[in-house]
PDB file of N, CA and C in Angstrom:
ATOM      1  N   GLN A   1      90.872 136.842  74.787  1.00  0.00           N
ATOM      2  CA  GLN A   1      92.302 136.418  74.574  1.00  0.00           C
ATOM      3  C   GLN A   1      91.871 135.039  74.714  1.00  0.00           C
ATOM      4  N   VAL A   2      92.864 134.245  74.327  1.00  0.00           N
ATOM      5  CA  VAL A   2      92.937 132.872  74.289  1.00  0.00           C
ATOM      6  C   VAL A   2      92.900 132.272  75.553  1.00  0.00           C
ATOM      7  N   GLN A   3      91.805 131.574  75.981  1.00  0.00           N
ATOM      8  CA  GLN A   3      91.919 130.703  77.144  1.00  0.00           C
ATOM      9  C   GLN A   3      91.754 129.140  76.875  1.00  0.00           C
ATOM     10  N   LEU A   4      92.672 128.401  77.451  1.00  0.00           N
ATOM     11  CA  LEU A   4      92.281 126.758  77.513  1.00  0.00           C
ATOM     12  C   LEU A   4      91.714 125.900  78.850  1.00  0.00           C
ATOM     13  N   VAL A   5      91.115 125.464  79.024  1.00  0.00           N
ATOM     14  CA  VAL A   5      90.568 125.116  80.510  1.00  0.00           C
ATOM     15  C   VAL A   5      90.351 123.580  80.277  1.00  0.00           C
ATOM     16  N   GLU A   6      91.414 122.847  80.902  1.00  0.00           N
ATOM     17  CA  GLU A   6      91.178 121.461  80.911  1.00  0.00           C
ATOM     18  C   GLU A   6      90.784 120.812  81.874  1.00  0.00           C
ATOM     19  N   SER A   7      89.957 119.800  82.024  1.00  0.00           N
ATOM     20  CA  SER A   7      89.370 119.047  83.117  1.00  0.00           C
ATOM     21  C   SER A   7      89.118 117.733  82.910  1.00  0.00           C
ATOM     22  N   GLY A   8      88.967 116.810  83.738  1.00  0.00           N
ATOM     23  CA  GLY A   8      88.448 115.370  83.622  1.00  0.00           C
ATOM     24  C   GLY A   8      89.482 114.554  84.139  1.00  0.00           C
ATOM     25  N   GLY A   9      90.707 115.065  84.701  1.00  0.00           N
ATOM     26  CA  GLY A   9      91.741 114.129  85.274  1.00  0.00           C
ATOM     27  C   GLY A   9      91.339 113.768  86.584  1.00  0.00           C
ATOM     28  N   GLY A  10      92.233 112.635  86.941  1.00  0.00           N
ATOM     29  CA  GLY A  10      91.760 111.835  88.351  1.00  0.00           C
ATOM     30  C   GLY A  10      92.762 110.758  88.774  1.00  0.00           C
ATOM     31  N   VAL A  11      92.501 109.921  89.637  1.00  0.00           N
ATOM     32  CA  VAL A  11      92.849 108.692  89.833  1.00  0.00           C
ATOM     33  C   VAL A  11      92.514 107.461  89.234  1.00  0.00           C
ATOM     34  N   VAL A  12      93.135 106.834  88.629  1.00  0.00           N
ATOM     35  CA  VAL A  12      92.433 105.469  87.883  1.00  0.00           C
ATOM     36  C   VAL A  12      93.272 104.369  88.259  1.00  0.00           C
ATOM     37  N   GLN A  13      92.920 103.083  88.369  1.00  0.00           N
ATOM     38  CA  GLN A  13      93.961 102.092  88.237  1.00  0.00           C
ATOM     39  C   GLN A  13      94.402 101.657  86.869  1.00  0.00           C
ATOM     40  N   PRO A  14      95.470 100.791  86.919  1.00  0.00           N
ATOM     41  CA  PRO A  14      95.888 100.521  85.447  1.00  0.00           C
ATOM     42  C   PRO A  14      94.940  99.593  84.846  1.00  0.00           C
ATOM     43  N   GLY A  15      94.726 100.006  83.545  1.00  0.00           N
ATOM     44  CA  GLY A  15      93.869  99.426  82.691  1.00  0.00           C
ATOM     45  C   GLY A  15      92.730 100.281  82.603  1.00  0.00           C
ATOM     46  N   GLY A  16      92.304 101.308  83.492  1.00  0.00           N
ATOM     47  CA  GLY A  16      91.286 101.999  83.455  1.00  0.00           C
ATOM     48  C   GLY A  16      91.186 103.043  82.462  1.00  0.00           C
ATOM     49  N   SER A  17      90.095 103.899  82.481  1.00  0.00           N
ATOM     50  CA  SER A  17      89.845 105.072  81.631  1.00  0.00           C
ATOM     51  C   SER A  17      89.720 106.135  82.031  1.00  0.00           C
ATOM     52  N   LEU A  18      90.162 107.249  81.412  1.00  0.00           N
ATOM     53  CA  LEU A  18      89.465 108.568  81.730  1.00  0.00           C
ATOM     54  C   LEU A  18      89.409 109.456  80.409  1.00  0.00           C
ATOM     55  N   ARG A  19      88.298 110.301  80.582  1.00  0.00           N
ATOM     56  CA  ARG A  19      87.893 111.294  79.529  1.00  0.00           C
ATOM     57  C   ARG A  19      88.349 112.855  79.943  1.00  0.00           C
ATOM     58  N   LEU A  20      89.252 113.261  79.080  1.00  0.00           N
ATOM     59  CA  LEU A  20      89.878 114.912  79.474  1.00  0.00           C
ATOM     60  C   LEU A  20      88.941 115.517  78.421  1.00  0.00           C
ATOM     61  N   SER A  21      88.840 116.712  78.862  1.00  0.00           N
ATOM     62  CA  SER A  21      88.038 117.940  78.246  1.00  0.00           C
ATOM     63  C   SER A  21      89.137 118.939  78.032  1.00  0.00           C
ATOM     64  N   CYS A  22      88.810 119.763  77.060  1.00  0.00           N
ATOM     65  CA  CYS A  22      89.398 121.214  77.009  1.00  0.00           C
ATOM     66  C   CYS A  22      88.802 122.021  76.409  1.00  0.00           C
ATOM     67  N   ALA A  23      88.121 123.040  77.166  1.00  0.00           N
ATOM     68  CA  ALA A  23      87.165 123.950  76.777  1.00  0.00           C
ATOM     69  C   ALA A  23      87.996 125.219  76.358  1.00  0.00           C
ATOM     70  N   THR A  24      87.799 125.860  75.224  1.00  0.00           N
ATOM     71  CA  THR A  24      88.681 126.848  74.540  1.00  0.00           C
ATOM     72  C   THR A  24      87.628 128.067  74.322  1.00  0.00           C
ATOM     73  N   SER A  25      88.432 129.096  74.275  1.00  0.00           N
ATOM     74  CA  SER A  25      87.568 130.483  73.808  1.00  0.00           C
ATOM     75  C   SER A  25      88.596 131.263  73.345  1.00  0.00           C
ATOM     76  N   GLY A  26      88.260 132.522  72.534  1.00  0.00           N
ATOM     77  CA  GLY A  26      89.173 133.528  72.222  1.00  0.00           C
ATOM     78  C   GLY A  26      89.922 133.187  71.015  1.00  0.00           C
ATOM     79  N   PHE A  27      89.551 132.200  70.164  1.00  0.00           N
ATOM     80  CA  PHE A  27      89.997 132.105  68.928  1.00  0.00           C
ATOM     81  C   PHE A  27      88.861 131.235  67.767  1.00  0.00           C
ATOM     82  N   ASN A  28      89.188 131.088  66.780  1.00  0.00           N
ATOM     83  CA  ASN A  28      88.394 130.358  65.982  1.00  0.00           C
ATOM     84  C   ASN A  28      88.713 129.034  65.903  1.00  0.00           C
ATOM     85  N   PHE A  29      88.005 128.128  66.874  1.00  0.00           N
ATOM     86  CA  PHE A  29      88.241 126.876  67.184  1.00  0.00           C
ATOM     87  C   PHE A  29      88.239 125.994  65.879  1.00  0.00           C
ATOM     88  N   SER A  30      87.221 126.209  65.119  1.00  0.00           N
ATOM     89  CA  SER A  30      87.106 125.151  63.946  1.00  0.00           C
ATOM     90  C   SER A  30      88.059 125.367  62.676  1.00  0.00           C
ATOM     91  N   ALA A  31      88.997 126.421  63.040  1.00  0.00           N
ATOM     92  CA  ALA A  31      89.883 126.778  61.983  1.00  0.00           C
ATOM     93  C   ALA A  31      91.431 126.175  62.260  1.00  0.00           C
ATOM     94  N   VAL A  32      91.660 125.560  63.498  1.00  0.00           N
ATOM     95  CA  VAL A  32      92.927 125.469  63.979  1.00  0.00           C
ATOM     96  C   VAL A  32      92.751 123.963  64.348  1.00  0.00           C
ATOM     97  N   SER A  33      94.229 123.322  63.935  1.00  0.00           N
ATOM     98  CA  SER A  33      94.169 122.035  64.659  1.00  0.00           C
ATOM     99  C   SER A  33      94.595 121.972  65.980  1.00  0.00           C
ATOM    100  N   MET A  34      94.085 121.006  66.866  1.00  0.00           N
ATOM    101  CA  MET A  34      94.364 121.221  68.209  1.00  0.00           C
ATOM    102  C   MET A  34      95.281 119.925  68.830  1.00  0.00           C
ATOM    103  N   ASP A  35      96.054 119.998  69.806  1.00  0.00           N
ATOM    104  CA  ASP A  35      96.947 119.150  70.285  1.00  0.00           C
ATOM    105  C   ASP A  35      96.666 119.063  71.584  1.00  0.00           C
ATOM    106  N   TRP A  36      97.242 117.590  72.003  1.00  0.00           N
ATOM    107  CA  TRP A  36      97.197 117.401  73.531  1.00  0.00           C
ATOM    108  C   TRP A  36      98.719 117.067  73.785  1.00  0.00           C
ATOM    109  N   PHE A  37      99.053 117.517  74.989  1.00  0.00           N
ATOM    110  CA  PHE A  37     100.340 117.245  75.398  1.00  0.00           C
ATOM    111  C   PHE A  37     100.485 116.593  76.940  1.00  0.00           C
ATOM    112  N   ARG A  38     101.509 116.304  77.417  1.00  0.00           N
ATOM    113  CA  ARG A  38     101.689 116.000  78.871  1.00  0.00           C
ATOM    114  C   ARG A  38     102.947 116.272  79.299  1.00  0.00           C
ATOM    115  N   ARG A  39     103.101 116.449  80.531  1.00  0.00           N
ATOM    116  CA  ARG A  39     104.360 116.725  81.273  1.00  0.00           C
ATOM    117  C   ARG A  39     104.469 115.716  82.266  1.00  0.00           C
ATOM    118  N   MET A  40     105.552 114.856  82.209  1.00  0.00           N
ATOM    119  CA  MET A  40     105.490 113.619  83.146  1.00  0.00           C
ATOM    120  C   MET A  40     105.837 114.129  84.465  1.00  0.00           C
ATOM    121  N   ALA A  41     106.750 114.905  84.736  1.00  0.00           N
ATOM    122  CA  ALA A  41     107.206 115.420  85.955  1.00  0.00           C
ATOM    123  C   ALA A  41     107.419 117.051  85.952  1.00  0.00           C
ATOM    124  N   PRO A  42     107.256 117.707  87.114  1.00  0.00           N
ATOM    125  CA  PRO A  42     107.734 119.016  87.122  1.00  0.00           C
ATOM    126  C   PRO A  42     109.284 119.318  86.932  1.00  0.00           C
ATOM    127  N   GLY A  43     109.203 120.363  86.015  1.00  0.00           N
ATOM    128  CA  GLY A  43     110.661 120.590  85.251  1.00  0.00           C
ATOM    129  C   GLY A  43     110.698 120.134  84.112  1.00  0.00           C
ATOM    130  N   LYS A  44     109.963 119.075  83.721  1.00  0.00           N
ATOM    131  CA  LYS A  44     110.496 118.413  82.365  1.00  0.00           C
ATOM    132  C   LYS A  44     109.630 119.115  81.231  1.00  0.00           C
ATOM    133  N   ASP A  45     110.130 118.833  80.089  1.00  0.00           N
ATOM    134  CA  ASP A  45     109.407 119.463  78.949  1.00  0.00           C
ATOM    135  C   ASP A  45     108.176 118.647  78.679  1.00  0.00           C
ATOM    136  N   ARG A  46     107.166 119.425  78.085  1.00  0.00           N
ATOM    137  CA  ARG A  46     106.012 118.800  77.629  1.00  0.00           C
ATOM    138  C   ARG A  46     106.208 117.968  76.576  1.00  0.00           C
ATOM    139  N   GLU A  47     105.536 116.635  76.629  1.00  0.00           N
ATOM    140  CA  GLU A  47     105.675 116.183  75.078  1.00  0.00           C
ATOM    141  C   GLU A  47     104.296 115.967  74.462  1.00  0.00           C
ATOM    142  N   TRP A  48     104.257 115.820  73.316  1.00  0.00           N
ATOM    143  CA  TRP A  48     103.098 115.744  72.388  1.00  0.00           C
ATOM    144  C   TRP A  48     102.874 114.537  72.420  1.00  0.00           C
ATOM    145  N   VAL A  49     101.324 114.443  72.606  1.00  0.00           N
ATOM    146  CA  VAL A  49     100.256 113.228  72.746  1.00  0.00           C
ATOM    147  C   VAL A  49      99.665 112.858  71.561  1.00  0.00           C
ATOM    148  N   ALA A  50      98.899 113.870  71.222  1.00  0.00           N
ATOM    149  CA  ALA A  50      97.885 113.605  70.162  1.00  0.00           C
ATOM    150  C   ALA A  50      97.502 115.065  69.253  1.00  0.00           C
ATOM    151  N   GLN A  51      97.018 114.947  68.159  1.00  0.00           N
ATOM    152  CA  GLN A  51      96.413 116.089  67.416  1.00  0.00           C
ATOM    153  C   GLN A  51      95.183 115.727  66.623  1.00  0.00           C
ATOM    154  N   SER A  52      94.330 116.679  66.795  1.00  0.00           N
ATOM    155  CA  SER A  52      93.065 116.663  65.888  1.00  0.00           C
ATOM    156  C   SER A  52      93.211 117.627  64.833  1.00  0.00           C
ATOM    157  N   SER A  53      93.255 117.361  63.649  1.00  0.00           N
ATOM    158  CA  SER A  53      93.571 118.350  62.759  1.00  0.00           C
ATOM    159  C   SER A  53      92.123 118.896  62.365  1.00  0.00           C
ATOM    160  N   ARG A  54      92.391 120.273  62.069  1.00  0.00           N
ATOM    161  CA  ARG A  54      91.203 120.900  61.567  1.00  0.00           C
ATOM    162  C   ARG A  54      90.587 120.455  60.147  1.00  0.00           C
ATOM    163  N   PHE A  55      91.351 119.659  59.651  1.00  0.00           N
ATOM    164  CA  PHE A  55      90.494 118.737  58.645  1.00  0.00           C
ATOM    165  C   PHE A  55      90.438 117.529  58.806  1.00  0.00           C
ATOM    166  N   GLU A  56      89.068 117.486  59.741  1.00  0.00           N
ATOM    167  CA  GLU A  56      88.569 116.309  60.215  1.00  0.00           C
ATOM    168  C   GLU A  56      88.320 115.188  59.380  1.00  0.00           C
ATOM    169  N   PRO A  57      88.360 114.066  59.287  1.00  0.00           N
ATOM    170  CA  PRO A  57      88.660 113.662  60.760  1.00  0.00           C
ATOM    171  C   PRO A  57      89.940 113.078  61.018  1.00  0.00           C
ATOM    172  N   MET A  58      91.097 113.777  60.600  1.00  0.00           N
ATOM    173  CA  MET A  58      92.453 113.409  60.488  1.00  0.00           C
ATOM    174  C   MET A  58      93.014 113.670  62.054  1.00  0.00           C
ATOM    175  N   THR A  59      93.545 112.558  62.649  1.00  0.00           N
ATOM    176  CA  THR A  59      94.199 112.523  63.801  1.00  0.00           C
ATOM    177  C   THR A  59      95.229 111.973  63.880  1.00  0.00           C
ATOM    178  N   PHE A  60      96.242 112.236  64.737  1.00  0.00           N
ATOM    179  CA  PHE A  60      97.765 111.811  64.828  1.00  0.00           C
ATOM    180  C   PHE A  60      97.938 111.490  66.474  1.00  0.00           C
ATOM    181  N   TYR A  61      98.774 110.636  66.553  1.00  0.00           N
ATOM    182  CA  TYR A  61      99.419 110.067  67.889  1.00  0.00           C
ATOM    183  C   TYR A  61     100.667 109.847  68.079  1.00  0.00           C
ATOM    184  N   THR A  62     101.155 109.835  69.307  1.00  0.00           N
ATOM    185  CA  THR A  62     102.506 109.556  69.634  1.00  0.00           C
ATOM    186  C   THR A  62     102.242 107.978  69.722  1.00  0.00           C
ATOM    187  N   ASP A  63     103.573 107.313  69.208  1.00  0.00           N
ATOM    188  CA  ASP A  63     103.448 105.746  69.175  1.00  0.00           C
ATOM    189  C   ASP A  63     103.206 105.411  70.687  1.00  0.00           C
ATOM    190  N   SER A  64     103.285 105.743  71.845  1.00  0.00           N
ATOM    191  CA  SER A  64     103.260 105.109  72.846  1.00  0.00           C
ATOM    192  C   SER A  64     101.630 105.138  73.294  1.00  0.00           C
ATOM    193  N   VAL A  65     100.910 105.975  72.546  1.00  0.00           N
ATOM    194  CA  VAL A  65      99.375 105.871  72.910  1.00  0.00           C
ATOM    195  C   VAL A  65      98.553 105.484  71.851  1.00  0.00           C
ATOM    196  N   LYS A  66      99.125 105.099  70.734  1.00  0.00           N
ATOM    197  CA  LYS A  66      98.046 104.482  69.511  1.00  0.00           C
ATOM    198  C   LYS A  66      97.480 103.397  69.955  1.00  0.00           C
ATOM    199  N   GLY A  67      96.185 103.254  69.719  1.00  0.00           N
ATOM    200  CA  GLY A  67      95.285 102.325  70.122  1.00  0.00           C
ATOM    201  C   GLY A  67      94.828 102.129  71.361  1.00  0.00           C
ATOM    202  N   ARG A  68      95.223 103.305  71.928  1.00  0.00           N
ATOM    203  CA  ARG A  68      94.682 103.428  73.427  1.00  0.00           C
ATOM    204  C   ARG A  68      93.920 104.737  73.783  1.00  0.00           C
ATOM    205  N   PHE A  69      94.481 105.785  73.172  1.00  0.00           N
ATOM    206  CA  PHE A  69      93.773 107.115  73.458  1.00  0.00           C
ATOM    207  C   PHE A  69      93.395 107.480  72.082  1.00  0.00           C
ATOM    208  N   THR A  70      92.238 108.227  72.195  1.00  0.00           N
ATOM    209  CA  THR A  70      91.399 108.839  71.143  1.00  0.00           C
ATOM    210  C   THR A  70      91.010 110.415  71.560  1.00  0.00           C
ATOM    211  N   ILE A  71      91.472 111.081  70.263  1.00  0.00           N
ATOM    212  CA  ILE A  71      91.440 112.420  70.360  1.00  0.00           C
ATOM    213  C   ILE A  71      90.029 112.901  69.621  1.00  0.00           C
ATOM    214  N   SER A  72      89.329 113.968  70.017  1.00  0.00           N
ATOM    215  CA  SER A  72      88.139 114.237  69.526  1.00  0.00           C
ATOM    216  C   SER A  72      87.939 115.624  69.493  1.00  0.00           C
ATOM    217  N   ARG A  73      86.844 116.191  68.631  1.00  0.00           N
ATOM    218  CA  ARG A  73      86.694 117.385  68.818  1.00  0.00           C
ATOM    219  C   ARG A  73      85.188 118.010  68.643  1.00  0.00           C
ATOM    220  N   ASP A  74      84.704 118.896  69.247  1.00  0.00           N
ATOM    221  CA  ASP A  74      83.363 119.365  69.103  1.00  0.00           C
ATOM    222  C   ASP A  74      83.361 120.847  68.898  1.00  0.00           C
ATOM    223  N   ASN A  75      83.543 121.139  67.413  1.00  0.00           N
ATOM    224  CA  ASN A  75      83.573 122.437  66.834  1.00  0.00           C
ATOM    225  C   ASN A  75      82.511 123.367  67.181  1.00  0.00           C
ATOM    226  N   ALA A  76      81.332 122.727  67.705  1.00  0.00           N
ATOM    227  CA  ALA A  76      79.899 123.434  68.149  1.00  0.00           C
ATOM    228  C   ALA A  76      80.146 124.207  69.391  1.00  0.00           C
ATOM    229  N   ASN A  77      81.059 123.198  69.945  1.00  0.00           N
ATOM    230  CA  ASN A  77      81.202 123.801  71.620  1.00  0.00           C
ATOM    231  C   ASN A  77      82.714 124.075  72.163  1.00  0.00           C
ATOM    232  N   ASN A  78      83.638 124.355  70.812  1.00  0.00           N
ATOM    233  CA  ASN A  78      84.853 125.034  71.094  1.00  0.00           C
ATOM    234  C   ASN A  78      85.690 123.971  72.092  1.00  0.00           C
ATOM    235  N   THR A  79      85.345 122.586  71.908  1.00  0.00           N
ATOM    236  CA  THR A  79      85.924 121.709  73.018  1.00  0.00           C
ATOM    237  C   THR A  79      86.579 120.619  72.129  1.00  0.00           C
ATOM    238  N   VAL A  80      87.633 120.360  72.753  1.00  0.00           N
ATOM    239  CA  VAL A  80      88.756 119.102  72.328  1.00  0.00           C
ATOM    240  C   VAL A  80      88.953 118.079  73.280  1.00  0.00           C
ATOM    241  N   TYR A  81      88.652 116.647  73.190  1.00  0.00           N
ATOM    242  CA  TYR A  81      88.497 115.578  74.031  1.00  0.00           C
ATOM    243  C   TYR A  81      89.719 114.770  73.939  1.00  0.00           C
ATOM    244  N   LEU A  82      90.153 114.101  74.921  1.00  0.00           N
ATOM    245  CA  LEU A  82      91.050 112.908  74.731  1.00  0.00           C
ATOM    246  C   LEU A  82      90.517 111.680  75.594  1.00  0.00           C
ATOM    247  N   GLN A  83      90.143 111.007  75.062  1.00  0.00           N
ATOM    248  CA  GLN A  83      89.633 109.410  75.645  1.00  0.00           C
ATOM    249  C   GLN A  83      90.814 108.776  75.899  1.00  0.00           C
ATOM    250  N   MET A  84      91.021 108.366  77.076  1.00  0.00           N
ATOM    251  CA  MET A  84      92.342 107.488  77.491  1.00  0.00           C
ATOM    252  C   MET A  84      91.730 106.191  77.904  1.00  0.00           C
ATOM    253  N   ASP A  85      91.814 105.259  77.256  1.00  0.00           N
ATOM    254  CA  ASP A  85      91.700 103.859  77.610  1.00  0.00           C
ATOM    255  C   ASP A  85      92.849 102.765  77.962  1.00  0.00           C
ATOM    256  N   THR A  86      92.728 101.950  78.912  1.00  0.00           N
ATOM    257  CA  THR A  86      93.796 100.961  79.178  1.00  0.00           C
ATOM    258  C   THR A  86      95.007 101.786  79.580  1.00  0.00           C
ATOM    259  N   LEU A  87      94.808 102.632  80.554  1.00  0.00           N
ATOM    260  CA  LEU A  87      95.754 103.382  80.926  1.00  0.00           C
ATOM    261  C   LEU A  87      96.859 102.580  81.730  1.00  0.00           C
ATOM    262  N   LYS A  88      98.247 102.922  81.716  1.00  0.00           N
ATOM    263  CA  LYS A  88      99.277 102.372  81.933  1.00  0.00           C
ATOM    264  C   LYS A  88     100.349 103.056  83.078  1.00  0.00           C
ATOM    265  N   PRO A  89     101.119 102.688  83.668  1.00  0.00           N
ATOM    266  CA  PRO A  89     101.653 103.138  84.690  1.00  0.00           C
ATOM    267  C   PRO A  89     102.561 104.154  84.086  1.00  0.00           C
ATOM    268  N   GLU A  90     102.960 104.138  82.971  1.00  0.00           N
ATOM    269  CA  GLU A  90     103.749 105.226  82.446  1.00  0.00           C
ATOM    270  C   GLU A  90     102.952 106.466  81.711  1.00  0.00           C
ATOM    271  N   ASP A  91     101.475 106.482  82.099  1.00  0.00           N
ATOM    272  CA  ASP A  91     100.718 107.607  81.495  1.00  0.00           C
ATOM    273  C   ASP A  91     100.445 108.685  82.417  1.00  0.00           C
ATOM    274  N   PRO A  92     100.964 108.612  83.865  1.00  0.00           N
ATOM    275  CA  PRO A  92     100.348 109.578  84.805  1.00  0.00           C
ATOM    276  C   PRO A  92     101.170 111.208  84.386  1.00  0.00           C
ATOM    277  N   ALA A  93     100.494 111.934  84.322  1.00  0.00           N
ATOM    278  CA  ALA A  93     101.344 113.157  83.915  1.00  0.00           C
ATOM    279  C   ALA A  93     100.262 114.436  84.022  1.00  0.00           C
ATOM    280  N   THR A  94     100.494 115.490  84.096  1.00  0.00           N
ATOM    281  CA  THR A  94      99.556 116.663  83.764  1.00  0.00           C
ATOM    282  C   THR A  94      99.487 116.883  82.211  1.00  0.00           C
ATOM    283  N   TYR A  95      98.159 116.951  81.728  1.00  0.00           N
ATOM    284  CA  TYR A  95      97.860 116.845  80.493  1.00  0.00           C
ATOM    285  C   TYR A  95      97.371 118.355  80.189  1.00  0.00           C
ATOM    286  N   PHE A  96      97.846 118.916  79.021  1.00  0.00           N
ATOM    287  CA  PHE A  96      97.496 120.228  78.644  1.00  0.00           C
ATOM    288  C   PHE A  96      96.800 119.791  77.073  1.00  0.00           C
ATOM    289  N   CYS A  97      96.030 120.887  76.618  1.00  0.00           N
ATOM    290  CA  CYS A  97      95.667 120.895  75.538  1.00  0.00           C
ATOM    291  C   CYS A  97      96.332 122.578  74.885  1.00  0.00           C
ATOM    292  N   GLN A  98      96.477 122.448  73.710  1.00  0.00           N
ATOM    293  CA  GLN A  98      97.095 123.798  72.996  1.00  0.00           C
ATOM    294  C   GLN A  98      96.885 123.825  71.519  1.00  0.00           C
ATOM    295  N   ARG A  99      96.613 124.916  70.761  1.00  0.00           N
ATOM    296  CA  ARG A  99      96.554 125.211  69.522  1.00  0.00           C
ATOM    297  C   ARG A  99      97.876 124.672  68.785  1.00  0.00           C
ATOM    298  N   ALA A 100      97.695 123.743  67.951  1.00  0.00           N
ATOM    299  CA  ALA A 100      98.820 123.251  67.025  1.00  0.00           C
ATOM    300  C   ALA A 100      99.573 124.536  66.565  1.00  0.00           C
ATOM    301  N   THR A 101     100.940 124.419  66.589  1.00  0.00           N
ATOM    302  CA  THR A 101     101.856 125.309  66.216  1.00  0.00           C
ATOM    303  C   THR A 101     101.909 126.597  67.205  1.00  0.00           C
ATOM    304  N   ALA A 102     101.003 126.869  68.102  1.00  0.00           N
ATOM    305  CA  ALA A 102     101.207 127.951  69.104  1.00  0.00           C
ATOM    306  C   ALA A 102     101.950 127.709  70.139  1.00  0.00           C
ATOM    307  N   SER A 103     102.663 128.411  70.780  1.00  0.00           N
ATOM    308  CA  SER A 103     103.609 128.545  71.750  1.00  0.00           C
ATOM    309  C   SER A 103     103.115 128.955  73.213  1.00  0.00           C
ATOM    310  N   GLY A 104     101.822 129.313  73.325  1.00  0.00           N
ATOM    311  CA  GLY A 104     100.915 129.649  74.419  1.00  0.00           C
ATOM    312  C   GLY A 104      99.837 130.425  74.046  1.00  0.00           C
ATOM    313  N   PRO A 105      98.889 131.170  75.090  1.00  0.00           N
ATOM    314  CA  PRO A 105      99.190 130.608  76.516  1.00  0.00           C
ATOM    315  C   PRO A 105      98.936 129.112  76.961  1.00  0.00           C
ATOM    316  N   TRP A 106      99.149 128.847  78.016  1.00  0.00           N
ATOM    317  CA  TRP A 106      98.859 127.488  78.474  1.00  0.00           C
ATOM    318  C   TRP A 106      97.641 127.284  79.654  1.00  0.00           C
ATOM    319  N   GLY A 107      96.884 126.555  79.405  1.00  0.00           N
ATOM    320  CA  GLY A 107      96.022 126.313  80.662  1.00  0.00           C
ATOM    321  C   GLY A 107      96.719 125.708  81.836  1.00  0.00           C
ATOM    322  N   GLN A 108      95.969 125.467  82.709  1.00  0.00           N
ATOM    323  CA  GLN A 108      96.435 125.042  84.033  1.00  0.00           C
ATOM    324  C   GLN A 108      96.698 123.392  83.949  1.00  0.00           C
ATOM    325  N   GLY A 109      96.166 122.835  82.921  1.00  0.00           N
ATOM    326  CA  GLY A 109      96.156 121.378  82.831  1.00  0.00           C
ATOM    327  C   GLY A 109      95.493 120.686  83.778  1.00  0.00           C
ATOM    328  N   THR A 110      95.284 119.239  83.389  1.00  0.00           N
ATOM    329  CA  THR A 110      94.652 118.256  84.461  1.00  0.00           C
ATOM    330  C   THR A 110      95.399 117.228  84.815  1.00  0.00           C
ATOM    331  N   GLN A 111      95.524 116.750  86.253  1.00  0.00           N
ATOM    332  CA  GLN A 111      96.487 115.806  86.382  1.00  0.00           C
ATOM    333  C   GLN A 111      95.656 114.445  86.383  1.00  0.00           C
ATOM    334  N   VAL A 112      96.537 113.636  85.828  1.00  0.00           N
ATOM    335  CA  VAL A 112      96.410 111.974  85.599  1.00  0.00           C
ATOM    336  C   VAL A 112      97.081 110.892  86.632  1.00  0.00           C
ATOM    337  N   THR A 113      96.543 110.314  87.350  1.00  0.00           N
ATOM    338  CA  THR A 113      97.339 109.423  88.225  1.00  0.00           C
ATOM    339  C   THR A 113      96.963 108.075  87.940  1.00  0.00           C
ATOM    340  N   VAL A 114      97.861 107.274  87.630  1.00  0.00           N
ATOM    341  CA  VAL A 114      97.470 105.611  87.355  1.00  0.00           C
ATOM    342  C   VAL A 114      98.006 104.919  88.811  1.00  0.00           C
ATOM    343  N   SER A 115      97.259 104.217  89.591  1.00  0.00           N
ATOM    344  CA  SER A 115      97.589 103.823  90.608  1.00  0.00           C
ATOM    345  C   SER A 115      96.662 102.591  91.226  1.00  0.00           C
ATOM    346  N   SER A 116      97.416 101.527  91.647  1.00  0.00           N
ATOM    347  CA  SER A 116      96.315 100.145  92.055  1.00  0.00           C
ATOM    348  C   SER A 116      96.516 100.416  93.791  1.00  0.00           C
TER     349      SER A 116
END
């Protein structure tokens, strides 16, 4: 079955960096585009952050993270990454990865906190 396991979150100061990872299994990773989403607060909808197209090297970003976040993928290891630089106070959230156009299942996410 499909499994998505996010990791790499933590506490960082404004302007700092984190690298998130999402290890996947149960589907043909290289054949699908992969997204990162974030949920800013419990009960709020997840918002789309970035996509790594299956047609590498195409990537897409929401405007608020363009120039600061970089999505990448390792097809040999079925893993997608999100390099987050110049983190801002508005970036804290639980971050999730997901197959593009899929509605689930979702992993547990990884928490990012930006605090001085």
